N, C-alpha and C. Protein backbone atom coordinates (compact mmCIF):
# COMPACT_ATOMS: atom_id res chain seq x y z
N MET A 1 122.99 82.56 101.84
CA MET A 1 121.58 83.14 102.25
C MET A 1 121.23 84.44 102.77
N TRP A 2 122.43 85.10 103.64
CA TRP A 2 122.42 86.38 103.89
C TRP A 2 121.70 87.38 103.04
N LEU A 3 122.17 87.35 101.88
CA LEU A 3 121.85 88.41 100.74
C LEU A 3 120.37 87.87 100.13
N VAL A 4 119.69 86.78 100.24
CA VAL A 4 118.41 86.67 100.12
C VAL A 4 117.42 87.62 101.02
N ILE A 5 117.91 87.20 102.48
CA ILE A 5 117.33 87.99 103.66
C ILE A 5 117.23 89.04 103.09
N ALA A 6 118.53 89.94 103.28
CA ALA A 6 118.71 91.49 102.84
C ALA A 6 117.75 92.06 101.56
N LEU A 7 117.98 91.15 100.57
CA LEU A 7 116.97 91.59 99.53
C LEU A 7 115.25 91.52 99.69
N LEU A 8 115.12 90.45 100.41
CA LEU A 8 113.73 90.60 100.73
C LEU A 8 113.20 91.65 101.81
N ILE A 9 114.11 91.75 102.58
CA ILE A 9 113.61 93.32 103.59
C ILE A 9 113.75 94.27 102.76
N LEU A 10 114.88 94.51 101.92
CA LEU A 10 114.85 95.75 101.07
C LEU A 10 113.78 95.79 100.51
N ALA A 11 113.39 95.21 99.69
CA ALA A 11 112.14 94.98 98.61
C ALA A 11 111.08 95.46 99.57
N GLY A 12 110.92 94.44 100.60
CA GLY A 12 109.77 94.71 101.50
C GLY A 12 109.47 96.19 102.10
N ILE A 13 110.72 97.14 102.10
CA ILE A 13 110.57 98.25 103.17
C ILE A 13 110.47 99.23 101.59
N ILE A 14 111.04 98.97 100.41
CA ILE A 14 110.64 100.09 99.48
C ILE A 14 109.33 100.16 99.17
N LEU A 15 108.65 98.63 99.03
CA LEU A 15 107.29 98.47 98.64
C LEU A 15 106.50 99.37 99.43
N LEU A 16 106.91 99.23 100.89
CA LEU A 16 106.18 99.86 101.96
C LEU A 16 105.86 101.28 101.76
N ILE A 17 107.22 101.98 101.56
CA ILE A 17 107.46 103.15 101.00
C ILE A 17 106.94 103.91 99.88
N VAL A 18 107.05 102.99 98.97
CA VAL A 18 105.72 103.43 97.63
C VAL A 18 104.53 103.45 98.19
N GLU A 19 104.21 102.39 98.85
CA GLU A 19 102.69 102.61 99.47
C GLU A 19 102.10 103.79 100.18
N VAL A 20 102.87 103.88 101.12
CA VAL A 20 102.82 105.02 101.98
C VAL A 20 102.82 106.28 101.33
N ILE A 21 103.77 106.91 100.80
CA ILE A 21 104.46 107.80 100.11
C ILE A 21 103.67 108.20 98.55
N PHE A 22 103.70 107.19 97.87
CA PHE A 22 103.22 107.48 96.51
C PHE A 22 101.96 106.89 96.02
N ILE A 23 101.53 106.13 96.60
CA ILE A 23 100.14 105.56 96.13
C ILE A 23 99.34 105.21 97.76
N PRO A 24 99.11 105.80 98.15
CA PRO A 24 98.13 105.72 99.30
C PRO A 24 96.92 104.90 99.15
N GLY A 25 96.37 104.16 99.68
CA GLY A 25 94.79 103.74 99.64
C GLY A 25 94.89 102.27 99.06
N THR A 26 95.66 102.12 98.54
CA THR A 26 95.70 100.67 97.44
C THR A 26 95.97 99.63 98.29
N THR A 27 96.68 99.70 99.08
CA THR A 27 97.03 98.48 100.39
C THR A 27 97.68 97.17 99.71
N VAL A 28 97.28 97.27 98.10
CA VAL A 28 98.19 95.80 97.97
C VAL A 28 99.20 95.66 98.14
N VAL A 29 99.91 96.70 97.39
CA VAL A 29 101.37 97.06 97.36
C VAL A 29 101.99 97.04 98.82
N GLY A 30 101.40 97.42 99.79
CA GLY A 30 101.94 97.81 101.10
C GLY A 30 101.70 96.34 101.54
N ILE A 31 100.92 95.74 101.47
CA ILE A 31 100.71 94.07 102.07
C ILE A 31 101.84 93.43 101.49
N PHE A 32 101.71 93.31 100.31
CA PHE A 32 102.63 92.51 99.80
C PHE A 32 104.33 93.28 100.28
N GLY A 33 104.70 94.58 100.27
CA GLY A 33 106.02 94.98 101.16
C GLY A 33 106.01 94.29 102.27
N VAL A 34 105.04 94.26 103.19
CA VAL A 34 104.97 93.78 104.68
C VAL A 34 105.24 92.27 104.70
N ILE A 35 104.54 91.52 103.69
CA ILE A 35 104.86 90.14 103.95
C ILE A 35 106.16 89.79 103.15
N LEU A 36 106.93 90.73 102.43
CA LEU A 36 108.10 90.31 102.25
C LEU A 36 109.33 90.81 103.14
N ALA A 37 108.97 91.75 103.94
CA ALA A 37 109.86 92.15 104.76
C ALA A 37 109.88 91.41 106.22
N ILE A 38 108.25 90.57 106.23
CA ILE A 38 108.26 89.56 107.60
C ILE A 38 108.80 88.08 106.91
N ALA A 39 108.71 87.94 105.57
CA ALA A 39 109.57 86.77 105.25
C ALA A 39 111.30 86.99 105.25
N GLY A 40 111.60 87.69 105.15
CA GLY A 40 113.13 88.08 105.49
C GLY A 40 113.67 88.03 106.68
N ILE A 41 112.63 88.60 107.70
CA ILE A 41 113.04 88.57 109.33
C ILE A 41 112.62 87.11 109.46
N VAL A 42 111.92 86.50 109.03
CA VAL A 42 111.50 85.11 109.58
C VAL A 42 112.88 83.79 109.06
N PHE A 43 113.34 84.39 107.85
CA PHE A 43 114.75 83.30 107.27
C PHE A 43 115.62 83.82 108.16
N GLY A 44 115.73 84.93 108.60
CA GLY A 44 116.66 85.85 109.58
C GLY A 44 116.76 84.58 110.70
N TYR A 45 115.64 84.56 111.45
CA TYR A 45 115.55 83.99 112.46
C TYR A 45 115.81 82.34 112.45
N ALA A 46 115.28 81.88 111.31
CA ALA A 46 115.49 80.19 111.28
C ALA A 46 116.85 79.97 110.75
N ASP A 47 117.53 81.19 109.94
CA ASP A 47 119.17 80.46 109.58
C ASP A 47 119.89 81.04 110.39
N TYR A 48 119.70 82.00 111.19
CA TYR A 48 120.78 82.50 112.35
C TYR A 48 120.78 82.49 113.59
N GLY A 49 119.56 82.01 114.01
CA GLY A 49 119.14 82.34 115.35
C GLY A 49 118.37 83.49 115.97
N SER A 50 118.02 83.09 117.33
CA SER A 50 116.89 84.22 118.11
C SER A 50 118.09 85.48 117.93
N THR A 51 118.90 85.58 118.56
CA THR A 51 119.71 86.65 118.69
C THR A 51 120.18 87.48 117.52
N VAL A 52 120.41 86.72 116.31
CA VAL A 52 120.57 87.80 114.93
C VAL A 52 119.36 87.95 114.45
N GLY A 53 118.23 87.08 114.67
CA GLY A 53 116.77 87.52 114.03
C GLY A 53 116.63 88.73 114.78
N THR A 54 116.59 88.84 116.23
CA THR A 54 116.33 89.93 116.81
C THR A 54 116.79 91.29 116.21
N TYR A 55 118.25 90.98 116.27
CA TYR A 55 118.68 92.26 115.39
C TYR A 55 118.52 93.01 113.95
N ILE A 56 117.91 91.71 113.37
CA ILE A 56 117.60 91.91 111.86
C ILE A 56 116.25 92.52 112.13
N LEU A 57 115.35 92.31 113.06
CA LEU A 57 114.10 92.92 113.40
C LEU A 57 114.15 94.11 113.84
N LEU A 58 115.03 94.63 114.85
CA LEU A 58 114.99 95.72 115.13
C LEU A 58 115.76 96.96 114.01
N ALA A 59 117.12 96.39 113.36
CA ALA A 59 117.21 97.15 112.07
C ALA A 59 116.41 97.23 110.98
N THR A 60 115.64 96.35 110.67
CA THR A 60 114.34 96.54 109.89
C THR A 60 113.30 97.76 110.27
N GLY A 61 113.15 97.26 111.44
CA GLY A 61 112.06 98.48 112.10
C GLY A 61 112.50 100.02 112.29
N VAL A 62 114.24 100.27 112.43
CA VAL A 62 114.78 101.30 112.76
C VAL A 62 114.80 101.79 111.23
N VAL A 63 115.40 101.08 110.31
CA VAL A 63 115.72 101.53 108.95
C VAL A 63 114.04 101.77 108.37
N THR A 64 113.40 101.15 108.52
CA THR A 64 112.06 101.28 107.83
C THR A 64 111.61 102.94 108.54
N ALA A 65 111.55 103.12 109.72
CA ALA A 65 110.85 104.32 110.19
C ALA A 65 111.85 105.48 109.94
N LEU A 66 113.32 105.15 109.53
CA LEU A 66 114.12 106.45 109.25
C LEU A 66 113.75 106.93 107.85
N LEU A 67 113.44 105.51 106.91
CA LEU A 67 113.35 105.96 105.69
C LEU A 67 111.98 106.61 105.54
N LEU A 68 111.14 106.10 106.27
CA LEU A 68 109.73 106.88 106.00
C LEU A 68 109.80 108.35 106.24
N TYR A 69 110.45 108.30 107.72
CA TYR A 69 110.75 110.12 108.10
C TYR A 69 111.49 110.81 107.00
N LEU A 70 112.53 110.43 106.49
CA LEU A 70 113.18 111.11 105.41
C LEU A 70 112.55 111.09 104.10
N SER A 71 111.58 110.69 103.77
CA SER A 71 110.66 110.58 102.54
C SER A 71 109.53 111.71 102.89
N PHE A 72 109.32 111.52 104.16
CA PHE A 72 108.07 112.71 104.38
C PHE A 72 108.91 113.98 104.22
N ARG A 73 110.19 114.14 105.07
CA ARG A 73 110.87 115.34 105.05
C ARG A 73 111.48 116.07 104.23
N SER A 74 111.62 115.36 102.83
CA SER A 74 112.21 115.62 101.67
C SER A 74 111.28 116.03 100.92
N GLY A 75 110.00 115.74 100.97
CA GLY A 75 108.78 116.61 100.30
C GLY A 75 109.11 115.68 98.69
N ALA A 76 109.51 114.31 99.03
CA ALA A 76 109.49 113.58 97.78
C ALA A 76 107.76 113.39 97.17
N TRP A 77 107.33 113.57 97.69
CA TRP A 77 105.65 112.97 97.69
C TRP A 77 104.83 114.24 96.94
N LYS A 78 105.70 115.63 97.31
CA LYS A 78 104.98 116.67 96.70
C LYS A 78 104.99 116.75 95.23
N ARG A 79 106.13 116.05 94.56
CA ARG A 79 106.36 116.14 93.25
C ARG A 79 105.41 115.28 92.60
N PHE A 80 104.41 114.51 93.33
CA PHE A 80 103.39 113.61 92.70
C PHE A 80 102.11 114.22 93.32
N ALA A 81 101.84 115.28 93.95
CA ALA A 81 100.50 115.62 94.67
C ALA A 81 99.94 116.75 93.52
N LEU A 82 98.70 116.59 93.73
CA LEU A 82 97.93 117.67 92.90
C LEU A 82 97.97 119.00 93.51
N ASN A 83 98.58 120.33 92.85
CA ASN A 83 98.96 121.45 93.72
C ASN A 83 97.97 122.72 93.35
N THR A 84 97.13 122.04 92.10
CA THR A 84 96.17 122.94 91.67
C THR A 84 94.91 123.13 92.41
N ALA A 85 94.45 124.19 92.31
CA ALA A 85 92.87 124.43 92.99
C ALA A 85 92.30 125.40 91.94
N ILE A 86 90.95 124.73 91.85
CA ILE A 86 89.53 125.37 90.99
C ILE A 86 89.45 126.67 91.96
N ASN A 87 89.53 127.82 91.30
CA ASN A 87 89.14 129.31 91.82
C ASN A 87 87.99 129.69 91.06
N SER A 88 87.55 129.33 90.14
CA SER A 88 86.29 129.85 89.31
C SER A 88 85.06 129.30 89.99
N LYS A 89 83.91 130.26 89.42
CA LYS A 89 82.62 129.90 89.95
C LYS A 89 81.81 129.34 89.24
N PHE A 90 80.51 128.71 89.47
CA PHE A 90 79.75 128.67 88.58
C PHE A 90 78.60 129.54 87.81
N ASN A 91 78.84 129.62 86.32
CA ASN A 91 78.75 130.87 85.59
C ASN A 91 78.97 132.30 86.33
N GLU A 92 80.33 132.11 86.36
CA GLU A 92 81.03 133.34 86.83
C GLU A 92 81.00 134.56 85.78
N GLY A 93 80.16 135.65 86.69
CA GLY A 93 80.27 136.63 85.90
C GLY A 93 79.24 136.78 84.63
N LEU A 94 78.38 135.53 84.65
CA LEU A 94 77.52 135.07 83.36
C LEU A 94 75.81 135.74 83.50
N ASN A 95 75.76 135.48 85.01
CA ASN A 95 74.33 135.96 85.75
C ASN A 95 74.05 137.36 85.89
N ASP A 96 74.95 138.06 85.64
CA ASP A 96 74.89 139.74 85.95
C ASP A 96 73.99 140.38 84.88
N GLY A 97 74.06 139.85 83.73
CA GLY A 97 72.98 140.49 82.34
C GLY A 97 71.99 139.78 82.58
N LEU A 98 71.52 138.63 83.67
CA LEU A 98 70.20 137.93 83.25
C LEU A 98 69.61 138.15 84.19
N LYS A 99 68.00 138.26 84.03
CA LYS A 99 66.87 138.82 84.54
C LYS A 99 65.64 137.92 84.54
N PRO A 100 65.28 137.81 85.80
CA PRO A 100 63.76 136.72 85.63
C PRO A 100 62.89 137.54 84.68
N GLY A 101 62.05 136.62 83.70
CA GLY A 101 61.36 136.91 82.80
C GLY A 101 62.06 137.03 81.48
N GLU A 102 63.10 136.75 81.11
CA GLU A 102 63.99 136.50 79.83
C GLU A 102 63.28 135.61 79.21
N GLU A 103 63.31 135.35 77.93
CA GLU A 103 63.23 134.44 77.41
C GLU A 103 64.26 133.73 76.48
N GLY A 104 64.52 132.49 76.29
CA GLY A 104 65.79 131.74 75.65
C GLY A 104 65.16 130.37 75.44
N THR A 105 66.39 129.84 74.65
CA THR A 105 66.33 128.44 74.16
C THR A 105 67.18 127.31 74.62
N THR A 106 66.75 126.16 75.08
CA THR A 106 67.81 125.00 75.63
C THR A 106 68.81 124.74 74.51
N VAL A 107 69.94 124.75 74.91
CA VAL A 107 70.85 124.72 73.58
C VAL A 107 71.34 123.01 73.92
N SER A 108 71.04 122.23 74.97
CA SER A 108 71.15 120.89 75.53
C SER A 108 69.98 120.46 76.16
N VAL A 109 69.79 119.26 76.55
CA VAL A 109 68.75 118.73 77.18
C VAL A 109 68.76 118.95 78.60
N LEU A 110 67.64 119.27 79.43
CA LEU A 110 67.90 119.37 80.53
C LEU A 110 67.28 117.99 81.12
N ARG A 111 68.70 117.85 82.19
CA ARG A 111 67.93 116.68 83.06
C ARG A 111 68.14 116.47 84.20
N PRO A 112 67.95 117.50 85.28
CA PRO A 112 67.39 118.79 84.96
C PRO A 112 68.14 119.88 84.75
N ILE A 113 69.43 119.69 84.66
CA ILE A 113 70.50 120.79 84.44
C ILE A 113 70.76 120.17 83.14
N GLY A 114 71.12 121.52 82.71
CA GLY A 114 71.60 121.50 81.20
C GLY A 114 72.08 123.14 80.44
N LYS A 115 72.20 123.28 79.49
CA LYS A 115 72.65 124.68 78.89
C LYS A 115 71.31 125.51 78.07
N ALA A 116 71.02 126.78 78.67
CA ALA A 116 70.37 127.45 77.65
C ALA A 116 70.89 128.77 77.40
N GLU A 117 70.65 129.13 76.06
CA GLU A 117 70.71 130.49 75.66
C GLU A 117 70.04 131.28 75.54
N PHE A 118 70.38 132.70 76.16
CA PHE A 118 69.54 133.81 76.29
C PHE A 118 70.30 135.13 75.57
N ASN A 119 69.88 135.99 74.87
CA ASN A 119 70.56 136.81 73.93
C ASN A 119 71.81 136.70 73.59
N GLY A 120 72.29 135.24 73.23
CA GLY A 120 73.44 134.87 72.39
C GLY A 120 74.40 134.28 73.66
N LEU A 121 74.14 134.48 74.63
CA LEU A 121 74.88 133.97 75.96
C LEU A 121 74.47 132.57 76.51
N GLN A 122 75.30 131.61 76.37
CA GLN A 122 74.76 130.35 76.62
C GLN A 122 75.18 130.10 78.45
N VAL A 123 74.42 129.48 79.02
CA VAL A 123 74.86 129.40 80.46
C VAL A 123 74.13 127.92 81.17
N GLU A 124 74.45 127.47 82.21
CA GLU A 124 74.08 126.49 82.42
C GLU A 124 72.89 126.67 83.33
N VAL A 125 71.68 126.06 83.12
CA VAL A 125 70.46 126.53 83.82
C VAL A 125 69.82 125.18 84.38
N THR A 126 68.78 125.27 85.38
CA THR A 126 67.98 124.25 85.89
C THR A 126 66.86 124.40 85.54
N SER A 127 65.83 123.38 85.63
CA SER A 127 64.52 123.32 85.23
C SER A 127 63.73 123.46 86.75
N ALA A 128 63.16 124.41 86.75
CA ALA A 128 62.40 124.84 87.97
C ALA A 128 61.43 123.46 88.91
N ASP A 129 61.11 122.58 88.10
CA ASP A 129 60.08 121.54 88.46
C ASP A 129 60.88 120.07 88.46
N GLY A 130 62.22 119.98 87.67
CA GLY A 130 62.68 119.05 88.04
C GLY A 130 62.56 118.19 86.63
N ASN A 131 61.97 118.65 85.63
CA ASN A 131 61.48 117.74 84.70
C ASN A 131 62.52 118.19 83.62
N TYR A 132 62.35 116.91 82.54
CA TYR A 132 63.22 116.63 81.72
C TYR A 132 62.81 117.65 80.53
N MET A 133 63.74 118.21 79.68
CA MET A 133 63.31 119.40 78.80
C MET A 133 64.25 118.61 77.65
N GLU A 134 63.58 118.81 76.44
CA GLU A 134 64.38 118.55 74.95
C GLU A 134 65.25 119.60 75.00
N SER A 135 66.32 119.67 74.03
CA SER A 135 67.17 120.49 73.34
C SER A 135 66.23 121.47 72.10
N GLY A 136 66.71 122.97 72.26
CA GLY A 136 65.51 123.58 71.73
C GLY A 136 64.24 124.31 72.20
N THR A 137 64.02 123.53 73.30
CA THR A 137 62.58 124.07 74.18
C THR A 137 62.45 125.67 74.64
N LYS A 138 61.41 126.18 74.58
CA LYS A 138 61.49 127.57 74.65
C LYS A 138 61.40 127.80 76.28
N VAL A 139 62.20 128.78 77.04
CA VAL A 139 62.23 128.74 78.47
C VAL A 139 62.45 129.97 78.86
N ILE A 140 61.65 130.18 79.94
CA ILE A 140 62.07 131.55 80.63
C ILE A 140 62.54 131.53 82.05
N ILE A 141 63.12 132.85 82.11
CA ILE A 141 64.10 132.73 83.49
C ILE A 141 63.12 132.87 84.49
N LYS A 142 63.08 131.79 85.65
CA LYS A 142 62.18 132.19 86.87
C LYS A 142 63.15 132.76 88.15
N GLU A 143 63.99 132.51 88.27
CA GLU A 143 65.24 133.19 89.20
C GLU A 143 66.69 132.85 88.79
N VAL A 144 66.92 133.94 89.46
CA VAL A 144 68.73 134.01 89.07
C VAL A 144 69.16 134.45 90.64
N SER A 145 69.93 133.47 90.78
CA SER A 145 70.78 133.36 91.77
C SER A 145 72.49 133.24 91.63
N PRO A 146 73.13 133.54 92.86
CA PRO A 146 74.61 133.49 92.08
C PRO A 146 75.39 131.98 91.97
N SER A 147 74.37 131.15 92.55
CA SER A 147 74.46 129.47 92.30
C SER A 147 73.66 128.69 91.24
N ALA A 148 72.70 129.65 90.77
CA ALA A 148 71.79 129.12 89.82
C ALA A 148 71.14 129.80 88.97
N ILE A 149 70.53 129.45 87.73
CA ILE A 149 69.60 130.14 86.78
C ILE A 149 68.26 129.06 86.79
N ILE A 150 67.19 129.45 87.32
CA ILE A 150 66.20 128.55 87.27
C ILE A 150 65.23 129.12 86.18
N VAL A 151 64.74 128.10 85.34
CA VAL A 151 64.14 128.17 84.27
C VAL A 151 62.84 127.55 84.31
N GLU A 152 61.58 127.76 83.75
CA GLU A 152 60.33 127.02 83.72
C GLU A 152 60.48 126.69 82.03
N GLN A 153 59.68 125.98 81.52
CA GLN A 153 59.17 125.65 80.07
C GLN A 153 58.28 126.83 79.63
N ILE A 154 57.99 127.30 78.39
CA ILE A 154 57.17 128.21 78.28
C ILE A 154 55.93 127.42 77.53
N SER A 155 54.96 127.48 78.07
CA SER A 155 53.51 126.57 77.62
C SER A 155 53.18 127.16 75.98
């Protein structure tokens, strides 16, 4: 019976570490791990009495804490973490050649954001009034800022 108890506790600890280190936020794996560890501890109390059960409980707590500490310290989770960053900006460098009053054509549907072409250059634009514009609509630039190009439909 000691093998069953040890396997239950070991499986519970492994699932708990997997939950905390590799897939945080799902809680299903962690809850299942805690249930397995508690089942192993309860079987230990039932089969070997309160003294041995208490030793099993303390050993489980110490081993779990030690393994969690070593897992964080070793950086095992860094292999699974996203380490890249997006350093580009919206329409980066494309707004420089555009000025209010330039005319162009929408390349995609504006809902109210889409793409338009000005002098052979495609950029992301926003309609001034927030209205829907079909692809191929003639537009004029109303405002150019570092974060947006505002256009209006030409009547």
